[in-house]
PDB file of N, CA and C in Angstrom:
ATOM      1  N   MET A   1      -2.030 -28.512  16.776  1.00  0.00           N
ATOM      2  CA  MET A   1      -1.904 -27.228  16.123  1.00  0.00           C
ATOM      3  C   MET A   1      -0.704 -26.525  16.721  1.00  0.00           C
ATOM      4  N   SER A   2       0.222 -26.127  15.863  1.00  0.00           N
ATOM      5  CA  SER A   2       1.362 -25.371  16.360  1.00  0.00           C
ATOM      6  C   SER A   2       1.002 -23.895  16.434  1.00  0.00           C
ATOM      7  N   LYS A   3       1.689 -23.198  17.286  1.00  0.00           N
ATOM      8  CA  LYS A   3       1.410 -21.779  17.476  1.00  0.00           C
ATOM      9  C   LYS A   3       2.715 -21.005  17.404  1.00  0.00           C
ATOM     10  N   SER A   4       2.609 -19.756  17.010  1.00  0.00           N
ATOM     11  CA  SER A   4       3.762 -18.876  17.044  1.00  0.00           C
ATOM     12  C   SER A   4       3.307 -17.513  17.526  1.00  0.00           C
ATOM     13  N   THR A   5       4.249 -16.734  17.982  1.00  0.00           N
ATOM     14  CA  THR A   5       3.911 -15.398  18.465  1.00  0.00           C
ATOM     15  C   THR A   5       4.314 -14.368  17.429  1.00  0.00           C
ATOM     16  N   TYR A   6       3.599 -13.255  17.464  1.00  0.00           N
ATOM     17  CA  TYR A   6       3.875 -12.143  16.560  1.00  0.00           C
ATOM     18  C   TYR A   6       3.553 -10.851  17.308  1.00  0.00           C
ATOM     19  N   PRO A   7       4.549  -9.994  17.471  1.00  0.00           N
ATOM     20  CA  PRO A   7       4.245  -8.732  18.165  1.00  0.00           C
ATOM     21  C   PRO A   7       3.371  -7.856  17.268  1.00  0.00           C
ATOM     22  N   LEU A   8       2.244  -7.465  17.777  1.00  0.00           N
ATOM     23  CA  LEU A   8       1.280  -6.720  16.978  1.00  0.00           C
ATOM     24  C   LEU A   8       1.073  -5.342  17.578  1.00  0.00           C
ATOM     25  N   LYS A   9       1.220  -4.331  16.747  1.00  0.00           N
ATOM     26  CA  LYS A   9       0.969  -2.964  17.191  1.00  0.00           C
ATOM     27  C   LYS A   9      -0.290  -2.475  16.498  1.00  0.00           C
ATOM     28  N   LEU A  10      -1.253  -2.065  17.309  1.00  0.00           N
ATOM     29  CA  LEU A  10      -2.529  -1.580  16.795  1.00  0.00           C
ATOM     30  C   LEU A  10      -2.735  -0.143  17.243  1.00  0.00           C
ATOM     31  N   PRO A  11      -3.444   0.642  16.437  1.00  0.00           N
ATOM     32  CA  PRO A  11      -3.861   1.944  16.945  1.00  0.00           C
ATOM     33  C   PRO A  11      -4.701   1.725  18.208  1.00  0.00           C
ATOM     34  N   THR A  12      -4.554   2.596  19.162  1.00  0.00           N
ATOM     35  CA  THR A  12      -5.261   2.450  20.437  1.00  0.00           C
ATOM     36  C   THR A  12      -6.762   2.300  20.242  1.00  0.00           C
ATOM     37  N   SER A  13      -7.319   3.071  19.324  1.00  0.00           N
ATOM     38  CA  SER A  13      -8.768   2.996  19.109  1.00  0.00           C
ATOM     39  C   SER A  13      -9.194   1.622  18.587  1.00  0.00           C
ATOM     40  N   VAL A  14      -8.402   1.026  17.724  1.00  0.00           N
ATOM     41  CA  VAL A  14      -8.713  -0.301  17.184  1.00  0.00           C
ATOM     42  C   VAL A  14      -8.569  -1.351  18.278  1.00  0.00           C
ATOM     43  N   LYS A  15      -7.504  -1.243  19.061  1.00  0.00           N
ATOM     44  CA  LYS A  15      -7.284  -2.197  20.158  1.00  0.00           C
ATOM     45  C   LYS A  15      -8.418  -2.120  21.168  1.00  0.00           C
ATOM     46  N   ASN A  16      -8.835  -0.910  21.516  1.00  0.00           N
ATOM     47  CA  ASN A  16      -9.920  -0.749  22.491  1.00  0.00           C
ATOM     48  C   ASN A  16     -11.233  -1.313  21.955  1.00  0.00           C
ATOM     49  N   ALA A  17     -11.513  -1.071  20.677  1.00  0.00           N
ATOM     50  CA  ALA A  17     -12.739  -1.600  20.072  1.00  0.00           C
ATOM     51  C   ALA A  17     -12.703  -3.126  20.037  1.00  0.00           C
ATOM     52  N   ALA A  18     -11.549  -3.685  19.674  1.00  0.00           N
ATOM     53  CA  ALA A  18     -11.414  -5.145  19.636  1.00  0.00           C
ATOM     54  C   ALA A  18     -11.554  -5.734  21.036  1.00  0.00           C
ATOM     55  N   ALA A  19     -10.968  -5.083  22.020  1.00  0.00           N
ATOM     56  CA  ALA A  19     -11.069  -5.569  23.397  1.00  0.00           C
ATOM     57  C   ALA A  19     -12.519  -5.550  23.876  1.00  0.00           C
ATOM     58  N   GLU A  20     -13.235  -4.506  23.517  1.00  0.00           N
ATOM     59  CA  GLU A  20     -14.649  -4.408  23.900  1.00  0.00           C
ATOM     60  C   GLU A  20     -15.468  -5.531  23.258  1.00  0.00           C
ATOM     61  N   LEU A  21     -15.229  -5.772  21.975  1.00  0.00           N
ATOM     62  CA  LEU A  21     -15.958  -6.835  21.279  1.00  0.00           C
ATOM     63  C   LEU A  21     -15.584  -8.210  21.820  1.00  0.00           C
ATOM     64  N   ALA A  22     -14.302  -8.400  22.128  1.00  0.00           N
ATOM     65  CA  ALA A  22     -13.861  -9.680  22.700  1.00  0.00           C
ATOM     66  C   ALA A  22     -14.567  -9.929  24.029  1.00  0.00           C
ATOM     67  N   LYS A  23     -14.650  -8.885  24.853  1.00  0.00           N
ATOM     68  CA  LYS A  23     -15.318  -9.024  26.151  1.00  0.00           C
ATOM     69  C   LYS A  23     -16.790  -9.387  25.971  1.00  0.00           C
ATOM     70  N   LEU A  24     -17.450  -8.717  25.028  1.00  0.00           N
ATOM     71  CA  LEU A  24     -18.858  -9.027  24.756  1.00  0.00           C
ATOM     72  C   LEU A  24     -19.026 -10.464  24.275  1.00  0.00           C
ATOM     73  N   ASP A  25     -18.021 -10.951  23.547  1.00  0.00           N
ATOM     74  CA  ASP A  25     -18.067 -12.308  23.006  1.00  0.00           C
ATOM     75  C   ASP A  25     -17.611 -13.346  24.025  1.00  0.00           C
ATOM     76  N   GLY A  26     -17.061 -12.879  25.141  1.00  0.00           N
ATOM     77  CA  GLY A  26     -16.628 -13.798  26.192  1.00  0.00           C
ATOM     78  C   GLY A  26     -15.320 -14.510  25.893  1.00  0.00           C
ATOM     79  N   VAL A  27     -14.440 -13.868  25.109  1.00  0.00           N
ATOM     80  CA  VAL A  27     -13.144 -14.459  24.788  1.00  0.00           C
ATOM     81  C   VAL A  27     -12.046 -13.443  25.091  1.00  0.00           C
ATOM     82  N   SER A  28     -10.824 -13.936  25.119  1.00  0.00           N
ATOM     83  CA  SER A  28      -9.705 -13.029  25.346  1.00  0.00           C
ATOM     84  C   SER A  28      -9.452 -12.195  24.089  1.00  0.00           C
ATOM     85  N   LEU A  29      -8.761 -11.098  24.272  1.00  0.00           N
ATOM     86  CA  LEU A  29      -8.401 -10.269  23.122  1.00  0.00           C
ATOM     87  C   LEU A  29      -7.559 -11.074  22.140  1.00  0.00           C
ATOM     88  N   ASN A  30      -6.655 -11.884  22.653  1.00  0.00           N
ATOM     89  CA  ASN A  30      -5.812 -12.714  21.789  1.00  0.00           C
ATOM     90  C   ASN A  30      -6.661 -13.671  20.953  1.00  0.00           C
ATOM     91  N   GLN A  31      -7.630 -14.320  21.580  1.00  0.00           N
ATOM     92  CA  GLN A  31      -8.513 -15.240  20.848  1.00  0.00           C
ATOM     93  C   GLN A  31      -9.326 -14.485  19.798  1.00  0.00           C
ATOM     94  N   PHE A  32      -9.795 -13.304  20.168  1.00  0.00           N
ATOM     95  CA  PHE A  32     -10.587 -12.504  19.241  1.00  0.00           C
ATOM     96  C   PHE A  32      -9.766 -12.125  18.008  1.00  0.00           C
ATOM     97  N   ILE A  33      -8.540 -11.661  18.230  1.00  0.00           N
ATOM     98  CA  ILE A  33      -7.675 -11.258  17.107  1.00  0.00           C
ATOM     99  C   ILE A  33      -7.318 -12.463  16.255  1.00  0.00           C
ATOM    100  N   ALA A  34      -7.006 -13.597  16.887  1.00  0.00           N
ATOM    101  CA  ALA A  34      -6.672 -14.804  16.129  1.00  0.00           C
ATOM    102  C   ALA A  34      -7.849 -15.245  15.255  1.00  0.00           C
ATOM    103  N   ALA A  35      -9.054 -15.187  15.805  1.00  0.00           N
ATOM    104  CA  ALA A  35     -10.236 -15.564  15.027  1.00  0.00           C
ATOM    105  C   ALA A  35     -10.481 -14.576  13.888  1.00  0.00           C
ATOM    106  N   ALA A  36     -10.266 -13.288  14.148  1.00  0.00           N
ATOM    107  CA  ALA A  36     -10.472 -12.273  13.107  1.00  0.00           C
ATOM    108  C   ALA A  36      -9.476 -12.463  11.964  1.00  0.00           C
ATOM    109  N   VAL A  37      -8.227 -12.759  12.295  1.00  0.00           N
ATOM    110  CA  VAL A  37      -7.219 -12.991  11.255  1.00  0.00           C
ATOM    111  C   VAL A  37      -7.559 -14.259  10.471  1.00  0.00           C
ATOM    112  N   ALA A  38      -7.959 -15.316  11.159  1.00  0.00           N
ATOM    113  CA  ALA A  38      -8.333 -16.564  10.483  1.00  0.00           C
ATOM    114  C   ALA A  38      -9.514 -16.335   9.546  1.00  0.00           C
ATOM    115  N   GLU A  39     -10.486 -15.544   9.993  1.00  0.00           N
ATOM    116  CA  GLU A  39     -11.646 -15.244   9.149  1.00  0.00           C
ATOM    117  C   GLU A  39     -11.228 -14.476   7.901  1.00  0.00           C
ATOM    118  N   LYS A  40     -10.352 -13.510   8.054  1.00  0.00           N
ATOM    119  CA  LYS A  40      -9.886 -12.711   6.913  1.00  0.00           C
ATOM    120  C   LYS A  40      -9.110 -13.584   5.931  1.00  0.00           C
ATOM    121  N   VAL A  41      -8.229 -14.428   6.440  1.00  0.00           N
ATOM    122  CA  VAL A  41      -7.464 -15.331   5.580  1.00  0.00           C
ATOM    123  C   VAL A  41      -8.408 -16.239   4.796  1.00  0.00           C
ATOM    124  N   GLY A  42      -9.390 -16.801   5.467  1.00  0.00           N
ATOM    125  CA  GLY A  42     -10.358 -17.673   4.791  1.00  0.00           C
ATOM    126  C   GLY A  42     -11.150 -16.941   3.734  1.00  0.00           C
ATOM    127  N   THR A  43     -11.552 -15.719   4.031  1.00  0.00           N
ATOM    128  CA  THR A  43     -12.321 -14.922   3.066  1.00  0.00           C
ATOM    129  C   THR A  43     -11.500 -14.631   1.826  1.00  0.00           C
ATOM    130  N   ILE A  44     -10.267 -14.203   2.019  1.00  0.00           N
ATOM    131  CA  ILE A  44      -9.410 -13.867   0.877  1.00  0.00           C
ATOM    132  C   ILE A  44      -9.109 -15.106   0.056  1.00  0.00           C
ATOM    133  N   ARG A  45      -8.794 -16.202   0.714  1.00  0.00           N
ATOM    134  CA  ARG A  45      -8.514 -17.440  -0.036  1.00  0.00           C
ATOM    135  C   ARG A  45      -9.741 -17.908  -0.806  1.00  0.00           C
ATOM    136  N   THR A  46     -10.891 -17.837  -0.178  1.00  0.00           N
ATOM    137  CA  THR A  46     -12.121 -18.266  -0.844  1.00  0.00           C
ATOM    138  C   THR A  46     -12.407 -17.388  -2.054  1.00  0.00           C
ATOM    139  N   ALA A  47     -12.286 -16.083  -1.898  1.00  0.00           N
ATOM    140  CA  ALA A  47     -12.524 -15.157  -3.011  1.00  0.00           C
ATOM    141  C   ALA A  47     -11.515 -15.399  -4.129  1.00  0.00           C
ATOM    142  N   ARG A  48     -10.241 -15.571  -3.767  1.00  0.00           N
ATOM    143  CA  ARG A  48      -9.209 -15.812  -4.774  1.00  0.00           C
ATOM    144  C   ARG A  48      -9.501 -17.100  -5.545  1.00  0.00           C
ATOM    145  N   ASP A  49      -9.829 -18.158  -4.825  1.00  0.00           N
ATOM    146  CA  ASP A  49     -10.109 -19.437  -5.482  1.00  0.00           C
ATOM    147  C   ASP A  49     -11.350 -19.343  -6.366  1.00  0.00           C
ATOM    148  N   PHE A  50     -12.390 -18.666  -5.872  1.00  0.00           N
ATOM    149  CA  PHE A  50     -13.614 -18.502  -6.647  1.00  0.00           C
ATOM    150  C   PHE A  50     -13.323 -17.749  -7.945  1.00  0.00           C
ATOM    151  N   LEU A  51     -12.626 -16.636  -7.822  1.00  0.00           N
ATOM    152  CA  LEU A  51     -12.334 -15.838  -9.023  1.00  0.00           C
ATOM    153  C   LEU A  51     -11.417 -16.583  -9.980  1.00  0.00           C
ATOM    154  N   HIS A  52     -10.469 -17.311  -9.446  1.00  0.00           N
ATOM    155  CA  HIS A  52      -9.573 -18.097 -10.300  1.00  0.00           C
ATOM    156  C   HIS A  52     -10.360 -19.161 -11.065  1.00  0.00           C
ATOM    157  N   ASP A  53     -11.256 -19.849 -10.360  1.00  0.00           N
ATOM    158  CA  ASP A  53     -12.071 -20.880 -11.010  1.00  0.00           C
ATOM    159  C   ASP A  53     -12.988 -20.283 -12.064  1.00  0.00           C
ATOM    160  N   ARG A  54     -13.600 -19.131 -11.757  1.00  0.00           N
ATOM    161  CA  ARG A  54     -14.512 -18.482 -12.712  1.00  0.00           C
ATOM    162  C   ARG A  54     -13.766 -17.974 -13.946  1.00  0.00           C
ATOM    163  N   ALA A  55     -12.539 -17.526 -13.749  1.00  0.00           N
ATOM    164  CA  ALA A  55     -11.772 -16.989 -14.873  1.00  0.00           C
ATOM    165  C   ALA A  55     -11.352 -18.101 -15.829  1.00  0.00           C
ATOM    166  N   GLY A  56     -11.150 -19.288 -15.297  1.00  0.00           N
ATOM    167  CA  GLY A  56     -10.733 -20.402 -16.151  1.00  0.00           C
ATOM    168  C   GLY A  56      -9.460 -20.065 -16.902  1.00  0.00           C
ATOM    169  N   SER A  57      -9.506 -20.216 -18.199  1.00  0.00           N
ATOM    170  CA  SER A  57      -8.325 -19.939 -19.009  1.00  0.00           C
ATOM    171  C   SER A  57      -8.400 -18.564 -19.672  1.00  0.00           C
ATOM    172  N   ALA A  58      -9.318 -17.731 -19.218  1.00  0.00           N
ATOM    173  CA  ALA A  58      -9.468 -16.399 -19.819  1.00  0.00           C
ATOM    174  C   ALA A  58      -8.203 -15.571 -19.638  1.00  0.00           C
ATOM    175  N   LYS A  59      -7.944 -14.732 -20.605  1.00  0.00           N
ATOM    176  CA  LYS A  59      -6.801 -13.821 -20.583  1.00  0.00           C
ATOM    177  C   LYS A  59      -7.346 -12.395 -20.560  1.00  0.00           C
ATOM    178  N   PRO A  60      -6.565 -11.446 -20.039  1.00  0.00           N
ATOM    179  CA  PRO A  60      -7.040 -10.062 -20.018  1.00  0.00           C
ATOM    180  C   PRO A  60      -7.507  -9.559 -21.388  1.00  0.00           C
ATOM    181  N   ARG A  61      -6.828  -9.975 -22.432  1.00  0.00           N
ATOM    182  CA  ARG A  61      -7.229  -9.514 -23.777  1.00  0.00           C
ATOM    183  C   ARG A  61      -8.611 -10.040 -24.169  1.00  0.00           C
ATOM    184  N   ASP A  62      -9.041 -11.162 -23.573  1.00  0.00           N
ATOM    185  CA  ASP A  62     -10.370 -11.704 -23.860  1.00  0.00           C
ATOM    186  C   ASP A  62     -11.479 -10.758 -23.407  1.00  0.00           C
ATOM    187  N   MET A  63     -11.191  -9.943 -22.425  1.00  0.00           N
ATOM    188  CA  MET A  63     -12.184  -9.014 -21.892  1.00  0.00           C
ATOM    189  C   MET A  63     -12.440  -7.847 -22.841  1.00  0.00           C
ATOM    190  N   MET A  64     -11.519  -7.591 -23.740  1.00  0.00           N
ATOM    191  CA  MET A  64     -11.637  -6.434 -24.631  1.00  0.00           C
ATOM    192  C   MET A  64     -12.907  -6.479 -25.479  1.00  0.00           C
ATOM    193  N   LYS A  65     -13.344  -7.644 -25.926  1.00  0.00           N
ATOM    194  CA  LYS A  65     -14.552  -7.707 -26.750  1.00  0.00           C
ATOM    195  C   LYS A  65     -15.769  -7.206 -25.983  1.00  0.00           C
ATOM    196  N   TYR A  66     -15.789  -7.444 -24.665  1.00  0.00           N
ATOM    197  CA  TYR A  66     -16.895  -6.956 -23.847  1.00  0.00           C
ATOM    198  C   TYR A  66     -16.762  -5.457 -23.575  1.00  0.00           C
ATOM    199  N   LEU A  67     -15.553  -5.023 -23.330  1.00  0.00           N
ATOM    200  CA  LEU A  67     -15.338  -3.604 -23.070  1.00  0.00           C
ATOM    201  C   LEU A  67     -15.652  -2.748 -24.293  1.00  0.00           C
ATOM    202  N   ARG A  68     -15.367  -3.258 -25.471  1.00  0.00           N
ATOM    203  CA  ARG A  68     -15.665  -2.505 -26.698  1.00  0.00           C
ATOM    204  C   ARG A  68     -17.171  -2.334 -26.899  1.00  0.00           C
ATOM    205  N   ARG A  69     -17.963  -3.266 -26.397  1.00  0.00           N
ATOM    206  CA  ARG A  69     -19.419  -3.186 -26.551  1.00  0.00           C
ATOM    207  C   ARG A  69     -20.089  -2.352 -25.462  1.00  0.00           C
ATOM    208  N   ALA A  70     -19.338  -1.951 -24.469  1.00  0.00           N
ATOM    209  CA  ALA A  70     -19.919  -1.161 -23.374  1.00  0.00           C
ATOM    210  C   ALA A  70     -20.340   0.205 -23.906  1.00  0.00           C
ATOM    211  N   PRO A  71     -21.455   0.727 -23.425  1.00  0.00           N
ATOM    212  CA  PRO A  71     -21.919   2.030 -23.903  1.00  0.00           C
ATOM    213  C   PRO A  71     -20.918   3.135 -23.550  1.00  0.00           C
ATOM    214  N   LYS A  72     -20.799   4.093 -24.427  1.00  0.00           N
ATOM    215  CA  LYS A  72     -19.892   5.231 -24.218  1.00  0.00           C
ATOM    216  C   LYS A  72     -20.682   6.340 -23.528  1.00  0.00           C
ATOM    217  N   VAL A  73     -20.790   6.249 -22.227  1.00  0.00           N
ATOM    218  CA  VAL A  73     -21.537   7.231 -21.452  1.00  0.00           C
ATOM    219  C   VAL A  73     -20.644   7.764 -20.334  1.00  0.00           C
ATOM    220  N   ALA A  74     -20.961   8.951 -19.874  1.00  0.00           N
ATOM    221  CA  ALA A  74     -20.204   9.545 -18.774  1.00  0.00           C
ATOM    222  C   ALA A  74     -20.486   8.756 -17.495  1.00  0.00           C
ATOM    223  N   PRO A  75     -19.518   8.688 -16.608  1.00  0.00           N
ATOM    224  CA  PRO A  75     -19.754   7.979 -15.342  1.00  0.00           C
ATOM    225  C   PRO A  75     -20.807   8.684 -14.495  1.00  0.00           C
ATOM    226  N   VAL A  76     -21.430   7.913 -13.656  1.00  0.00           N
ATOM    227  CA  VAL A  76     -22.390   8.450 -12.693  1.00  0.00           C
ATOM    228  C   VAL A  76     -21.622   9.379 -11.767  1.00  0.00           C
ATOM    229  N   PRO A  77     -22.192  10.517 -11.405  1.00  0.00           N
ATOM    230  CA  PRO A  77     -21.481  11.436 -10.494  1.00  0.00           C
ATOM    231  C   PRO A  77     -20.982  10.699  -9.238  1.00  0.00           C
ATOM    232  N   GLY A  78     -19.719  10.899  -8.950  1.00  0.00           N
ATOM    233  CA  GLY A  78     -19.086  10.226  -7.824  1.00  0.00           C
ATOM    234  C   GLY A  78     -18.244   9.033  -8.255  1.00  0.00           C
ATOM    235  N   ASP A  79     -18.463   8.536  -9.489  1.00  0.00           N
ATOM    236  CA  ASP A  79     -17.701   7.385  -9.988  1.00  0.00           C
ATOM    237  C   ASP A  79     -16.675   7.796 -11.040  1.00  0.00           C
ATOM    238  N   GLU A  80     -16.286   9.043 -11.055  1.00  0.00           N
ATOM    239  CA  GLU A  80     -15.395   9.532 -12.112  1.00  0.00           C
ATOM    240  C   GLU A  80     -14.008   8.906 -12.054  1.00  0.00           C
ATOM    241  N   ARG A  81     -13.586   8.500 -10.903  1.00  0.00           N
ATOM    242  CA  ARG A  81     -12.219   7.985 -10.768  1.00  0.00           C
ATOM    243  C   ARG A  81     -12.091   6.563 -11.143  1.00  0.00           C
TER     244      ARG A  81
END
């Protein structure tokens, strides 16, 4: 496995929280951050691949038939945006 360095600037509060969690986990801060980044990359790739597979050959215009059938009701309070 090849490695590279990347200077990372974190807000102090985030760095302190990560350091605390790394210590509880018994790993270095560097190992903790590397694992967290790897987990995020895997999650995003998995979600992207899942959604791509589910979409198949669908096009945005294909969704219009479903949107036209949606009830014309006001949004639930808090969901106006």
